[in-house]
Amino acid sequence: MKNRFLSLIALIFFLLTNACQPNPEEKAEQLAREQMIGVIGVNAVDRSVIDAYPSKVGWMVIFRDANASCDKGSFWPGACRFENRIFRDVYACVERNWSIRQMGTSGESASLGDEDLCQVPGPVLPTAEPNP
């Protein structure tokens, strides 16, 4: 009787612990949100509707209607080098190892669809060893 009771308590504890863990899409969204605050600014992230979709690399997280402006926030190098632009939607590719190596944007009036824009990283080529 005592062993059954302890087993029941252990099962309940296990179920409660697993129920509190975010699913992978929620974790990808949270990671992308934290990263994008530094990239497009907290205001653009807060006004966005955020969607996470399975991708070739892991998850594609889209910040819809972010209306991220080059003069607000701190865009990544290259996004605003030619003019002050506004990007309606912004996306981040969260890889299965929980890193973000790709980000992109839509145009000012264009909206991103559900198409997977994340590129699979190329193969890592071995370095050439000198031949003695």
N, C-alpha and C. Protein backbone atom coordinates (compact mmCIF):
# COMPACT_ATOMS: atom_id res chain seq x y z
N MET A 1 0.82 -1.19 0.00
CA MET A 1 0.00 0.00 0.00
C MET A 1 0.87 1.26 0.00
N LYS A 2 1.92 1.24 0.82
CA LYS A 2 2.82 2.40 0.91
C LYS A 2 3.53 2.62 -0.43
N ASN A 3 3.96 1.53 -1.09
CA ASN A 3 4.64 1.66 -2.38
C ASN A 3 3.72 2.22 -3.45
N ARG A 4 2.44 1.81 -3.43
CA ARG A 4 1.47 2.35 -4.40
C ARG A 4 1.27 3.85 -4.18
N PHE A 5 1.17 4.23 -2.96
CA PHE A 5 0.99 5.65 -2.63
C PHE A 5 2.19 6.47 -3.10
N LEU A 6 3.40 5.98 -2.84
CA LEU A 6 4.60 6.69 -3.28
C LEU A 6 4.69 6.73 -4.80
N SER A 7 4.30 5.63 -5.45
CA SER A 7 4.29 5.61 -6.92
C SER A 7 3.30 6.62 -7.47
N LEU A 8 2.14 6.72 -6.85
CA LEU A 8 1.14 7.68 -7.28
C LEU A 8 1.65 9.11 -7.11
N ILE A 9 2.28 9.40 -6.00
CA ILE A 9 2.84 10.74 -5.77
C ILE A 9 3.94 11.04 -6.78
N ALA A 10 4.79 10.07 -7.06
CA ALA A 10 5.86 10.26 -8.04
C ALA A 10 5.28 10.51 -9.43
N LEU A 11 4.21 9.80 -9.80
CA LEU A 11 3.57 10.00 -11.10
C LEU A 11 2.96 11.39 -11.19
N ILE A 12 2.28 11.82 -10.16
CA ILE A 12 1.68 13.16 -10.14
C ILE A 12 2.77 14.22 -10.25
N PHE A 13 3.85 14.08 -9.53
CA PHE A 13 4.96 15.03 -9.59
C PHE A 13 5.54 15.07 -11.01
N PHE A 14 5.72 13.91 -11.63
CA PHE A 14 6.26 13.84 -12.99
C PHE A 14 5.34 14.54 -13.98
N LEU A 15 4.03 14.29 -13.89
CA LEU A 15 3.07 14.92 -14.79
C LEU A 15 3.02 16.43 -14.60
N LEU A 16 3.06 16.89 -13.37
CA LEU A 16 3.05 18.33 -13.11
C LEU A 16 4.33 18.99 -13.62
N THR A 17 5.45 18.34 -13.47
CA THR A 17 6.72 18.88 -13.94
C THR A 17 6.71 19.01 -15.46
N ASN A 18 6.24 17.98 -16.15
CA ASN A 18 6.20 18.03 -17.61
C ASN A 18 5.17 19.02 -18.13
N ALA A 19 4.08 19.21 -17.41
CA ALA A 19 3.05 20.15 -17.83
C ALA A 19 3.55 21.59 -17.77
N CYS A 20 4.51 21.87 -16.92
CA CYS A 20 5.05 23.22 -16.77
C CYS A 20 6.11 23.56 -17.81
N GLN A 21 6.61 22.58 -18.52
CA GLN A 21 7.66 22.81 -19.51
C GLN A 21 7.03 23.35 -20.79
N PRO A 22 7.59 24.41 -21.39
CA PRO A 22 7.04 24.91 -22.65
C PRO A 22 7.30 23.91 -23.76
N ASN A 23 6.37 23.87 -24.73
CA ASN A 23 6.60 23.00 -25.87
C ASN A 23 7.66 23.66 -26.76
N PRO A 24 8.25 22.93 -27.70
CA PRO A 24 9.34 23.50 -28.51
C PRO A 24 8.97 24.78 -29.27
N GLU A 25 7.75 24.88 -29.79
CA GLU A 25 7.35 26.10 -30.49
C GLU A 25 7.30 27.29 -29.54
N GLU A 26 6.81 27.08 -28.32
CA GLU A 26 6.78 28.17 -27.34
C GLU A 26 8.18 28.58 -26.95
N LYS A 27 9.08 27.61 -26.81
CA LYS A 27 10.46 27.92 -26.46
C LYS A 27 11.14 28.70 -27.60
N ALA A 28 10.87 28.30 -28.85
CA ALA A 28 11.43 29.01 -30.01
C ALA A 28 10.91 30.45 -30.05
N GLU A 29 9.61 30.62 -29.79
CA GLU A 29 9.02 31.95 -29.78
C GLU A 29 9.65 32.82 -28.69
N GLN A 30 9.83 32.26 -27.51
CA GLN A 30 10.42 33.01 -26.40
C GLN A 30 11.85 33.41 -26.72
N LEU A 31 12.64 32.49 -27.27
CA LEU A 31 14.02 32.79 -27.63
C LEU A 31 14.09 33.88 -28.70
N ALA A 32 13.24 33.77 -29.72
CA ALA A 32 13.22 34.77 -30.79
C ALA A 32 12.78 36.13 -30.25
N ARG A 33 11.81 36.13 -29.37
CA ARG A 33 11.34 37.39 -28.77
C ARG A 33 12.48 38.09 -28.03
N GLU A 34 13.23 37.34 -27.21
CA GLU A 34 14.35 37.92 -26.47
C GLU A 34 15.41 38.48 -27.41
N GLN A 35 15.70 37.75 -28.48
CA GLN A 35 16.72 38.19 -29.44
C GLN A 35 16.25 39.44 -30.20
N MET A 36 14.99 39.44 -30.61
CA MET A 36 14.48 40.54 -31.44
C MET A 36 14.33 41.84 -30.67
N ILE A 37 14.20 41.79 -29.36
CA ILE A 37 14.13 43.04 -28.59
C ILE A 37 15.39 43.85 -28.83
N GLY A 38 16.54 43.20 -28.88
CA GLY A 38 17.79 43.90 -29.14
C GLY A 38 17.99 44.27 -30.60
N VAL A 39 17.25 43.61 -31.49
CA VAL A 39 17.43 43.85 -32.93
C VAL A 39 16.48 44.92 -33.45
N ILE A 40 15.19 44.79 -33.15
CA ILE A 40 14.22 45.75 -33.69
C ILE A 40 13.60 46.65 -32.63
N GLY A 41 13.92 46.41 -31.38
CA GLY A 41 13.41 47.25 -30.31
C GLY A 41 12.20 46.65 -29.63
N VAL A 42 12.02 47.00 -28.39
CA VAL A 42 10.95 46.44 -27.57
C VAL A 42 9.57 46.85 -28.09
N ASN A 43 9.43 48.07 -28.60
CA ASN A 43 8.12 48.53 -29.08
C ASN A 43 7.65 47.72 -30.28
N ALA A 44 8.56 47.44 -31.21
CA ALA A 44 8.20 46.65 -32.39
C ALA A 44 7.83 45.22 -31.99
N VAL A 45 8.55 44.66 -31.03
CA VAL A 45 8.23 43.30 -30.57
C VAL A 45 6.88 43.29 -29.86
N ASP A 46 6.63 44.27 -29.01
CA ASP A 46 5.38 44.31 -28.25
C ASP A 46 4.16 44.48 -29.14
N ARG A 47 4.27 45.21 -30.24
CA ARG A 47 3.10 45.41 -31.10
C ARG A 47 2.92 44.29 -32.11
N SER A 48 3.84 43.36 -32.16
CA SER A 48 3.78 42.26 -33.13
C SER A 48 2.82 41.16 -32.69
N VAL A 49 2.26 40.52 -33.70
CA VAL A 49 1.56 39.26 -33.49
C VAL A 49 2.60 38.20 -33.87
N ILE A 50 2.94 37.34 -32.93
CA ILE A 50 4.05 36.41 -33.13
C ILE A 50 3.52 35.01 -33.43
N ASP A 51 4.00 34.44 -34.55
CA ASP A 51 3.65 33.08 -34.96
C ASP A 51 4.92 32.26 -35.08
N ALA A 52 4.85 31.02 -34.66
CA ALA A 52 5.98 30.09 -34.80
C ALA A 52 5.53 28.90 -35.64
N TYR A 53 6.32 28.59 -36.67
CA TYR A 53 6.00 27.49 -37.57
C TYR A 53 7.18 26.52 -37.63
N PRO A 54 6.90 25.22 -37.78
CA PRO A 54 8.00 24.28 -38.00
C PRO A 54 8.73 24.65 -39.29
N SER A 55 10.03 24.45 -39.29
CA SER A 55 10.87 24.84 -40.41
C SER A 55 11.88 23.74 -40.71
N LYS A 56 12.57 23.90 -41.86
CA LYS A 56 13.63 22.96 -42.21
C LYS A 56 14.72 22.94 -41.16
N VAL A 57 14.98 24.08 -40.54
CA VAL A 57 16.07 24.18 -39.56
C VAL A 57 15.61 24.01 -38.13
N GLY A 58 14.33 24.13 -37.90
CA GLY A 58 13.77 24.08 -36.55
C GLY A 58 12.42 24.76 -36.53
N TRP A 59 12.43 26.10 -36.33
CA TRP A 59 11.21 26.90 -36.30
C TRP A 59 11.46 28.25 -36.95
N MET A 60 10.48 28.72 -37.68
CA MET A 60 10.50 30.08 -38.22
C MET A 60 9.51 30.88 -37.38
N VAL A 61 10.01 31.93 -36.73
CA VAL A 61 9.19 32.76 -35.86
C VAL A 61 8.98 34.09 -36.58
N ILE A 62 7.72 34.42 -36.86
CA ILE A 62 7.38 35.64 -37.59
C ILE A 62 6.79 36.67 -36.63
N PHE A 63 7.29 37.88 -36.71
CA PHE A 63 6.78 39.02 -35.96
C PHE A 63 5.93 39.84 -36.93
N ARG A 64 4.64 39.56 -36.97
CA ARG A 64 3.74 40.20 -37.92
C ARG A 64 3.35 41.59 -37.44
N ASP A 65 3.28 42.52 -38.38
CA ASP A 65 2.91 43.91 -38.11
C ASP A 65 3.82 44.57 -37.09
N ALA A 66 5.10 44.22 -37.12
CA ALA A 66 6.08 44.84 -36.23
C ALA A 66 6.32 46.29 -36.62
N ASN A 67 6.23 46.58 -37.92
CA ASN A 67 6.52 47.91 -38.44
C ASN A 67 7.81 48.45 -37.85
N ALA A 68 8.84 47.63 -37.95
CA ALA A 68 10.15 47.98 -37.40
C ALA A 68 10.80 49.05 -38.27
N SER A 69 11.24 50.10 -37.66
CA SER A 69 11.82 51.23 -38.35
C SER A 69 13.33 51.25 -38.14
N CYS A 70 14.04 51.64 -39.18
CA CYS A 70 15.50 51.72 -39.07
C CYS A 70 15.95 52.79 -38.10
N ASP A 71 15.13 53.79 -37.85
CA ASP A 71 15.57 54.84 -36.93
C ASP A 71 15.18 54.54 -35.49
N LYS A 72 14.48 53.43 -35.25
CA LYS A 72 14.12 53.02 -33.89
C LYS A 72 14.63 51.61 -33.68
N GLY A 73 15.20 51.33 -32.56
CA GLY A 73 15.77 50.01 -32.32
C GLY A 73 17.18 49.96 -32.88
N SER A 74 17.78 48.83 -32.85
CA SER A 74 19.15 48.71 -33.35
C SER A 74 19.21 47.54 -34.33
N PHE A 75 18.80 47.82 -35.57
CA PHE A 75 18.78 46.76 -36.57
C PHE A 75 20.15 46.13 -36.76
N TRP A 76 20.13 44.87 -37.17
CA TRP A 76 21.37 44.16 -37.43
C TRP A 76 22.08 44.81 -38.60
N PRO A 77 23.41 44.69 -38.68
CA PRO A 77 24.18 45.34 -39.73
C PRO A 77 23.67 44.95 -41.11
N GLY A 78 23.51 45.93 -41.97
CA GLY A 78 23.12 45.67 -43.34
C GLY A 78 21.66 45.89 -43.63
N ALA A 79 20.78 45.76 -42.66
CA ALA A 79 19.34 45.88 -42.93
C ALA A 79 18.97 47.31 -43.31
N CYS A 80 19.66 48.29 -42.76
CA CYS A 80 19.29 49.69 -42.98
C CYS A 80 20.43 50.51 -43.57
N ARG A 81 21.33 49.89 -44.27
CA ARG A 81 22.52 50.62 -44.70
C ARG A 81 22.26 51.63 -45.81
N PHE A 82 21.17 51.51 -46.58
CA PHE A 82 20.98 52.40 -47.71
C PHE A 82 19.97 53.50 -47.47
N GLU A 83 18.98 53.26 -46.63
CA GLU A 83 17.95 54.26 -46.39
C GLU A 83 17.18 53.93 -45.13
N ASN A 84 16.44 54.90 -44.66
CA ASN A 84 15.58 54.68 -43.51
C ASN A 84 14.33 53.97 -44.01
N ARG A 85 14.15 52.72 -43.63
CA ARG A 85 13.03 51.92 -44.11
C ARG A 85 12.20 51.42 -42.95
N ILE A 86 10.99 50.99 -43.28
CA ILE A 86 10.11 50.36 -42.30
C ILE A 86 9.82 48.96 -42.82
N PHE A 87 9.95 47.98 -41.95
CA PHE A 87 9.70 46.60 -42.30
C PHE A 87 8.43 46.14 -41.58
N ARG A 88 7.43 45.78 -42.36
CA ARG A 88 6.15 45.37 -41.77
C ARG A 88 6.31 44.11 -40.92
N ASP A 89 6.90 43.07 -41.51
CA ASP A 89 7.09 41.80 -40.80
C ASP A 89 8.57 41.49 -40.71
N VAL A 90 8.96 40.84 -39.64
CA VAL A 90 10.34 40.42 -39.42
C VAL A 90 10.29 38.96 -38.99
N TYR A 91 11.29 38.18 -39.39
CA TYR A 91 11.31 36.78 -38.96
C TYR A 91 12.69 36.38 -38.48
N ALA A 92 12.69 35.34 -37.65
CA ALA A 92 13.93 34.75 -37.14
C ALA A 92 13.82 33.23 -37.30
N CYS A 93 14.92 32.62 -37.65
CA CYS A 93 14.98 31.17 -37.78
C CYS A 93 15.67 30.60 -36.55
N VAL A 94 14.91 29.88 -35.75
CA VAL A 94 15.45 29.27 -34.54
C VAL A 94 15.80 27.84 -34.89
N GLU A 95 17.08 27.52 -34.78
CA GLU A 95 17.55 26.20 -35.15
C GLU A 95 17.28 25.21 -34.02
N ARG A 96 17.38 23.94 -34.34
CA ARG A 96 17.09 22.88 -33.35
C ARG A 96 18.02 22.92 -32.14
N ASN A 97 19.20 23.52 -32.31
CA ASN A 97 20.13 23.64 -31.18
C ASN A 97 19.90 24.96 -30.42
N TRP A 98 18.79 25.62 -30.70
CA TRP A 98 18.35 26.84 -30.03
C TRP A 98 19.23 28.04 -30.33
N SER A 99 19.85 28.07 -31.50
CA SER A 99 20.59 29.27 -31.92
C SER A 99 19.82 29.95 -33.05
N ILE A 100 20.07 31.24 -33.21
CA ILE A 100 19.45 32.02 -34.28
C ILE A 100 20.58 32.54 -35.17
N ARG A 101 20.61 32.09 -36.40
CA ARG A 101 21.65 32.54 -37.33
C ARG A 101 21.08 33.28 -38.52
N GLN A 102 19.78 33.20 -38.71
CA GLN A 102 19.14 33.84 -39.85
C GLN A 102 17.99 34.72 -39.38
N MET A 103 17.91 35.91 -39.96
CA MET A 103 16.80 36.82 -39.74
C MET A 103 16.49 37.47 -41.06
N GLY A 104 15.28 37.91 -41.22
CA GLY A 104 14.90 38.57 -42.45
C GLY A 104 13.68 39.44 -42.24
N THR A 105 13.27 40.11 -43.32
CA THR A 105 12.16 41.04 -43.25
C THR A 105 11.30 40.94 -44.49
N SER A 106 10.11 41.50 -44.40
CA SER A 106 9.28 41.72 -45.58
C SER A 106 9.46 43.19 -45.97
N GLY A 107 8.80 43.57 -47.01
CA GLY A 107 8.84 44.98 -47.39
C GLY A 107 7.94 45.81 -46.50
N GLU A 108 7.80 47.09 -46.85
CA GLU A 108 7.01 48.01 -46.03
C GLU A 108 5.53 47.64 -46.05
N SER A 109 5.01 47.27 -47.21
CA SER A 109 3.59 46.97 -47.29
C SER A 109 3.32 45.47 -47.45
N ALA A 110 4.33 44.71 -47.81
CA ALA A 110 4.14 43.27 -48.01
C ALA A 110 4.13 42.54 -46.68
N SER A 111 3.31 41.50 -46.63
CA SER A 111 3.25 40.67 -45.43
C SER A 111 3.88 39.32 -45.75
N LEU A 112 4.55 38.74 -44.77
CA LEU A 112 5.12 37.41 -44.95
C LEU A 112 4.00 36.38 -44.88
N GLY A 113 4.08 35.40 -45.74
CA GLY A 113 3.12 34.29 -45.69
C GLY A 113 3.61 33.23 -44.73
N ASP A 114 3.16 32.02 -44.96
CA ASP A 114 3.57 30.90 -44.12
C ASP A 114 4.72 30.11 -44.74
N GLU A 115 5.25 30.59 -45.85
CA GLU A 115 6.34 29.90 -46.55
C GLU A 115 7.59 29.87 -45.67
N ASP A 116 8.26 28.72 -45.65
CA ASP A 116 9.48 28.56 -44.87
C ASP A 116 10.63 29.29 -45.57
N LEU A 117 11.10 30.37 -44.97
CA LEU A 117 12.19 31.17 -45.54
C LEU A 117 13.54 30.83 -44.94
N CYS A 118 13.57 29.92 -44.00
CA CYS A 118 14.80 29.55 -43.32
C CYS A 118 15.61 28.60 -44.20
N GLN A 119 16.88 28.91 -44.35
CA GLN A 119 17.76 28.10 -45.18
C GLN A 119 18.52 27.10 -44.31
N VAL A 120 18.62 25.89 -44.82
CA VAL A 120 19.40 24.88 -44.12
C VAL A 120 20.87 25.26 -44.24
N PRO A 121 21.62 25.28 -43.13
CA PRO A 121 23.04 25.62 -43.22
C PRO A 121 23.77 24.64 -44.12
N GLY A 122 24.74 25.15 -44.83
CA GLY A 122 25.54 24.30 -45.71
C GLY A 122 26.42 23.36 -44.91
N PRO A 123 26.94 22.34 -45.58
CA PRO A 123 27.79 21.39 -44.87
C PRO A 123 29.09 22.05 -44.42
N VAL A 124 29.60 21.60 -43.29
CA VAL A 124 30.87 22.10 -42.80
C VAL A 124 31.97 21.29 -43.48
N LEU A 125 32.78 21.98 -44.25
CA LEU A 125 33.84 21.30 -44.99
C LEU A 125 35.09 21.20 -44.13
N PRO A 126 35.78 20.06 -44.21
CA PRO A 126 37.01 19.94 -43.42
C PRO A 126 38.07 20.89 -43.96
N THR A 127 38.89 21.35 -43.04
CA THR A 127 39.98 22.22 -43.46
C THR A 127 41.09 21.36 -44.08
N ALA A 128 41.76 21.93 -45.05
CA ALA A 128 42.83 21.19 -45.73
C ALA A 128 44.07 21.16 -44.86
N GLU A 129 44.62 20.01 -44.72
CA GLU A 129 45.87 19.84 -43.95
C GLU A 129 47.04 19.95 -44.93
N PRO A 130 48.08 20.66 -44.56
CA PRO A 130 49.25 20.75 -45.46
C PRO A 130 49.89 19.37 -45.63
N ASN A 131 50.33 19.14 -46.83
CA ASN A 131 50.96 17.86 -47.14
C ASN A 131 52.47 17.99 -46.94
N PRO A 132 53.05 17.25 -45.99
CA PRO A 132 54.49 17.45 -45.72
C PRO A 132 55.36 16.92 -46.82
